[in-house]
Amino acid sequence: MVKTKKIFLLAAVLSVQLSFAQFAKIVDKDGYVNIRENADAKSKIIGRINSDEIVYIFEPDEADKEWLNVDTKGKTGGYIHNSRVKYIESYDAVPSTEKSGNKIIFKSGDIKVDILSEKFNYKENKKHFSSSHMGDQQQEDQYKGQQIWGTDGTVPQTHYKSITVQMNGKTLQIPAKEIENLFNIDNEATHCYFDKINDTLYIEMNNSDGAGAYVGLFIIEKGKYKGKMLTLPF
């Protein structure tokens, strides 16, 4: 009875975890999945996503959890069936072995991830900020020509100093240009997952808060940096 209760509680916890918005990979034997305009198999097809592509899944509708509202590369899409995705958080977690101030280290086997953040010197870097206008509308501010993430119009407090990955006997750093416009870092909300079958490491982050909150996923495949996805979690 006690064992059964523990299993039930574990299942409930996993169900709650997977109900939250999160990143996922498209997995479909046909090589792609159709995006529907509405949460219905008969709804109009408005696009498609190829297998292995990364999407962001918003929290499912309590009334119909079979259909998932997806964000593809920062642009809100439509709906896909839940049988066509594999959540990134379902892969093996790489545990954190050290957390101290602005540093966090993840390590498992031959995989090691060092993430360093630091206080952002706004005065020294103010010259790199800019804003643009289109007609009467002001577009989002930019930093070194890229969209700013995490500030909601306020002065950035922290930023990434470096993200270093050791994997398959190789060491690589996430390119500076890939992290220089990401601000207000929360290392406590950062996690790593490893897909053994495809030899792919995922670094998932949830930074800033309130209206400035954003989520990101860095992808390292077979020891090589493959890119990232950034989006808003709401």
Protein backbone atom coordinates (compact mmCIF):
# COMPACT_ATOMS: atom_id res chain seq x y z
CA MET A 1 0.00 0.00 0.00
CA VAL A 2 2.82 2.40 0.94
CA LYS A 3 4.73 1.53 -2.24
CA THR A 4 1.61 2.08 -4.35
CA LYS A 5 1.03 5.44 -2.67
CA LYS A 6 4.62 6.50 -3.41
CA ILE A 7 4.25 5.56 -7.06
CA PHE A 8 0.98 7.51 -7.25
CA LEU A 9 2.59 10.58 -5.69
CA LEU A 10 5.57 10.36 -8.03
CA ALA A 11 3.26 10.14 -11.03
CA ALA A 12 1.33 13.15 -9.76
CA VAL A 13 4.53 15.16 -9.36
CA LEU A 14 5.69 14.29 -12.88
CA SER A 15 2.27 15.20 -14.25
CA VAL A 16 2.45 18.60 -12.57
CA GLN A 17 6.00 19.19 -13.85
CA LEU A 18 5.04 18.37 -17.43
CA SER A 19 2.00 20.64 -17.28
CA PHE A 20 4.20 23.71 -17.05
CA ALA A 21 5.33 25.57 -20.16
CA GLN A 22 8.67 24.25 -21.38
CA PHE A 23 10.90 23.44 -24.35
CA ALA A 24 10.35 20.29 -26.39
CA LYS A 25 11.70 18.56 -29.49
CA ILE A 26 9.49 17.48 -32.37
CA VAL A 27 9.57 13.69 -32.80
CA ASP A 28 7.47 12.36 -35.68
CA LYS A 29 8.02 9.29 -37.86
CA ASP A 30 6.71 11.23 -40.87
CA GLY A 31 9.55 13.73 -40.51
CA TYR A 32 7.31 16.66 -39.62
CA VAL A 33 4.20 17.63 -37.68
CA ASN A 34 1.37 19.86 -38.90
CA ILE A 35 0.52 23.03 -37.02
CA ARG A 36 -3.24 23.48 -36.69
CA GLU A 37 -5.02 26.79 -36.36
CA ASN A 38 -7.12 25.43 -33.49
CA ALA A 39 -6.87 22.50 -31.06
CA ASP A 40 -8.60 20.06 -33.39
CA ALA A 41 -7.39 17.40 -35.86
CA LYS A 42 -9.81 18.80 -38.45
CA SER A 43 -8.69 22.39 -37.98
CA LYS A 44 -6.92 24.26 -40.78
CA ILE A 45 -3.22 23.45 -41.25
CA ILE A 46 -1.27 26.71 -41.00
CA GLY A 47 2.26 25.34 -41.11
CA ARG A 48 4.55 22.48 -40.27
CA ILE A 49 7.55 21.83 -38.05
CA ASN A 50 10.25 19.34 -39.03
CA SER A 51 11.28 16.54 -36.70
CA ASP A 52 14.16 17.39 -34.32
CA GLU A 53 13.25 21.08 -34.34
CA ILE A 54 12.86 22.77 -30.95
CA VAL A 55 9.60 24.45 -29.93
CA TYR A 56 8.34 26.09 -26.77
CA ILE A 57 5.17 24.58 -25.37
CA PHE A 58 2.86 26.88 -23.46
CA GLU A 59 0.93 25.51 -20.48
CA PRO A 60 -1.78 23.17 -21.82
CA ASP A 61 -5.44 24.05 -21.64
CA GLU A 62 -6.98 22.17 -18.72
CA ALA A 63 -9.97 21.32 -20.91
CA ASP A 64 -7.92 19.60 -23.63
CA LYS A 65 -4.33 18.59 -22.87
CA GLU A 66 -4.01 16.56 -26.08
CA TRP A 67 -3.31 19.71 -28.07
CA LEU A 68 -0.38 21.98 -27.32
CA ASN A 69 -0.01 25.65 -28.14
CA VAL A 70 3.49 26.13 -29.53
CA ASP A 71 5.95 28.95 -30.07
CA THR A 72 8.38 28.32 -32.92
CA LYS A 73 11.58 30.35 -32.79
CA GLY A 74 9.97 33.24 -30.95
CA LYS A 75 6.82 33.46 -33.10
CA THR A 76 3.58 32.11 -31.68
CA GLY A 77 2.38 29.31 -33.87
CA GLY A 78 -0.74 27.21 -33.49
CA TYR A 79 -1.49 23.77 -32.09
CA ILE A 80 0.19 20.38 -32.40
CA HIS A 81 -0.77 17.02 -30.89
CA ASN A 82 1.03 16.08 -27.68
CA SER A 83 2.09 12.71 -29.12
CA ARG A 84 4.49 14.50 -31.46
CA VAL A 85 6.81 16.05 -28.87
CA LYS A 86 9.48 14.99 -26.40
CA TYR A 87 10.03 17.41 -23.55
CA ILE A 88 13.63 18.48 -23.02
CA GLU A 89 13.18 17.96 -19.28
CA SER A 90 12.47 14.29 -19.92
CA TYR A 91 16.11 13.67 -20.90
CA ASP A 92 18.73 12.76 -18.30
CA ALA A 93 19.43 15.69 -15.98
CA VAL A 94 23.06 16.72 -15.56
CA PRO A 95 23.29 17.63 -11.86
CA SER A 96 24.77 20.86 -10.56
CA THR A 97 27.86 20.20 -8.44
CA GLU A 98 28.71 23.75 -7.42
CA LYS A 99 26.76 26.94 -6.86
CA SER A 100 28.55 29.98 -5.50
CA GLY A 101 27.41 33.52 -6.18
CA ASN A 102 27.60 34.10 -9.91
CA LYS A 103 28.96 30.65 -10.75
CA ILE A 104 27.27 27.31 -11.36
CA ILE A 105 28.82 24.04 -12.53
CA PHE A 106 27.05 20.98 -13.93
CA LYS A 107 28.90 17.67 -14.15
CA SER A 108 28.13 14.07 -15.10
CA GLY A 109 30.62 11.60 -16.58
CA ASP A 110 32.69 13.39 -19.22
CA ILE A 111 30.22 16.28 -19.40
CA LYS A 112 30.98 19.50 -17.56
CA VAL A 113 29.30 22.89 -17.94
CA ASP A 114 30.68 26.06 -16.30
CA ILE A 115 28.41 29.11 -16.31
CA LEU A 116 29.77 32.42 -15.07
CA SER A 117 27.74 35.60 -14.69
CA GLU A 118 28.76 38.96 -13.27
CA LYS A 119 27.54 42.43 -12.45
CA PHE A 120 26.89 44.46 -15.58
CA ASN A 121 28.79 47.73 -15.93
CA TYR A 122 26.13 49.90 -17.54
CA LYS A 123 28.21 53.09 -17.50
CA GLU A 124 31.02 51.44 -19.43
CA ASN A 125 28.68 49.77 -21.93
CA LYS A 126 26.02 52.46 -22.33
CA LYS A 127 27.42 53.35 -25.76
CA HIS A 128 26.40 49.94 -27.07
CA PHE A 129 22.68 50.48 -26.41
CA SER A 130 20.37 51.89 -29.07
CA SER A 131 16.70 52.15 -29.98
CA SER A 132 14.99 52.45 -33.32
CA HIS A 133 11.69 53.88 -34.59
CA MET A 134 9.30 52.87 -37.32
CA GLY A 135 6.86 55.68 -37.95
CA ASP A 136 5.41 56.69 -34.59
CA GLN A 137 6.25 53.32 -33.04
CA GLN A 138 9.44 52.76 -31.10
CA GLN A 139 10.92 49.30 -31.49
CA GLU A 140 12.62 47.39 -28.72
CA ASP A 141 15.98 48.65 -27.51
CA GLN A 142 19.05 46.85 -28.78
CA TYR A 143 22.47 46.01 -27.40
CA LYS A 144 25.27 45.76 -29.95
CA GLY A 145 22.65 45.45 -32.65
CA GLN A 146 20.70 42.63 -31.03
CA GLN A 147 17.38 42.49 -29.19
CA ILE A 148 17.73 42.94 -25.44
CA TRP A 149 16.43 40.16 -23.21
CA GLY A 150 15.57 40.47 -19.53
CA THR A 151 15.41 44.18 -18.73
CA ASP A 152 11.86 45.39 -19.48
CA GLY A 153 13.33 48.82 -20.18
CA THR A 154 15.36 49.03 -16.96
CA VAL A 155 19.13 49.14 -16.51
CA PRO A 156 20.61 45.60 -16.68
CA GLN A 157 21.96 44.32 -13.38
CA THR A 158 23.89 41.20 -14.44
CA HIS A 159 24.97 39.42 -17.61
CA TYR A 160 26.82 36.29 -18.70
CA LYS A 161 30.59 36.35 -18.54
CA SER A 162 31.01 32.93 -20.17
CA ILE A 163 29.42 29.53 -20.75
CA THR A 164 32.00 26.76 -21.20
CA VAL A 165 31.20 23.16 -22.12
CA GLN A 166 33.46 20.12 -21.89
CA MET A 167 32.09 17.16 -23.82
CA ASN A 168 33.54 14.21 -25.75
CA GLY A 169 37.05 15.25 -24.78
CA LYS A 170 36.57 18.69 -26.31
CA THR A 171 36.14 22.13 -24.75
CA LEU A 172 34.00 24.82 -26.33
CA GLN A 173 32.69 28.20 -25.32
CA ILE A 174 29.30 29.51 -26.34
CA PRO A 175 30.22 32.42 -28.68
CA ALA A 176 30.20 35.81 -26.93
CA LYS A 177 27.73 37.20 -29.48
CA GLU A 178 25.23 34.47 -28.49
CA ILE A 179 25.09 35.60 -24.84
CA GLU A 180 26.05 39.28 -24.79
CA ASN A 181 22.44 40.54 -25.07
CA LEU A 182 21.08 38.31 -22.27
CA PHE A 183 20.65 40.10 -18.95
CA ASN A 184 19.50 39.67 -15.35
CA ILE A 185 20.77 36.14 -14.95
CA ASP A 186 19.27 33.58 -12.57
CA ASN A 187 21.67 30.63 -12.32
CA GLU A 188 19.39 28.99 -9.78
CA ALA A 189 16.81 28.53 -12.54
CA THR A 190 19.28 27.02 -15.01
CA HIS A 191 19.36 23.29 -15.82
CA CYS A 192 21.19 20.88 -18.10
CA TYR A 193 19.84 17.77 -19.85
CA PHE A 194 21.57 15.15 -21.96
CA ASP A 195 20.09 13.15 -24.83
CA LYS A 196 22.36 10.05 -24.88
CA ILE A 197 20.96 8.60 -28.10
CA ASN A 198 21.67 11.74 -30.14
CA ASP A 199 24.69 12.85 -28.08
CA THR A 200 23.06 16.24 -27.52
CA LEU A 201 23.38 18.51 -24.50
CA TYR A 202 20.72 21.10 -23.67
CA ILE A 203 21.30 24.09 -21.37
CA GLU A 204 17.94 25.49 -20.31
CA MET A 205 17.62 28.84 -18.55
CA ASN A 206 14.85 30.96 -17.07
CA ASN A 207 16.13 34.47 -16.40
CA SER A 208 14.88 37.78 -15.03
CA ASP A 209 11.34 38.16 -13.64
CA GLY A 210 8.03 39.92 -14.15
CA ALA A 211 7.56 41.49 -17.57
CA GLY A 212 11.28 41.03 -18.26
CA ALA A 213 11.24 37.24 -17.85
CA TYR A 214 12.54 35.09 -20.70
CA VAL A 215 13.56 31.50 -21.30
CA GLY A 216 16.39 30.14 -23.41
CA LEU A 217 17.77 26.85 -24.64
CA PHE A 218 21.34 26.32 -25.87
CA ILE A 219 22.03 23.20 -27.93
CA ILE A 220 25.38 21.38 -28.14
CA GLU A 221 25.36 18.36 -30.45
CA LYS A 222 28.30 15.94 -30.59
CA GLY A 223 30.52 18.51 -28.93
CA LYS A 224 29.61 21.31 -31.36
CA TYR A 225 27.45 24.37 -30.67
CA LYS A 226 24.29 24.17 -32.80
CA GLY A 227 22.44 27.32 -31.72
CA LYS A 228 19.82 28.59 -29.29
CA MET A 229 16.15 29.48 -28.92
CA LEU A 230 14.87 32.40 -26.86
CA THR A 231 11.27 33.28 -26.13
CA LEU A 232 8.87 34.70 -23.56
CA PRO A 233 7.35 32.14 -21.15
CA PHE A 234 3.83 33.56 -21.43
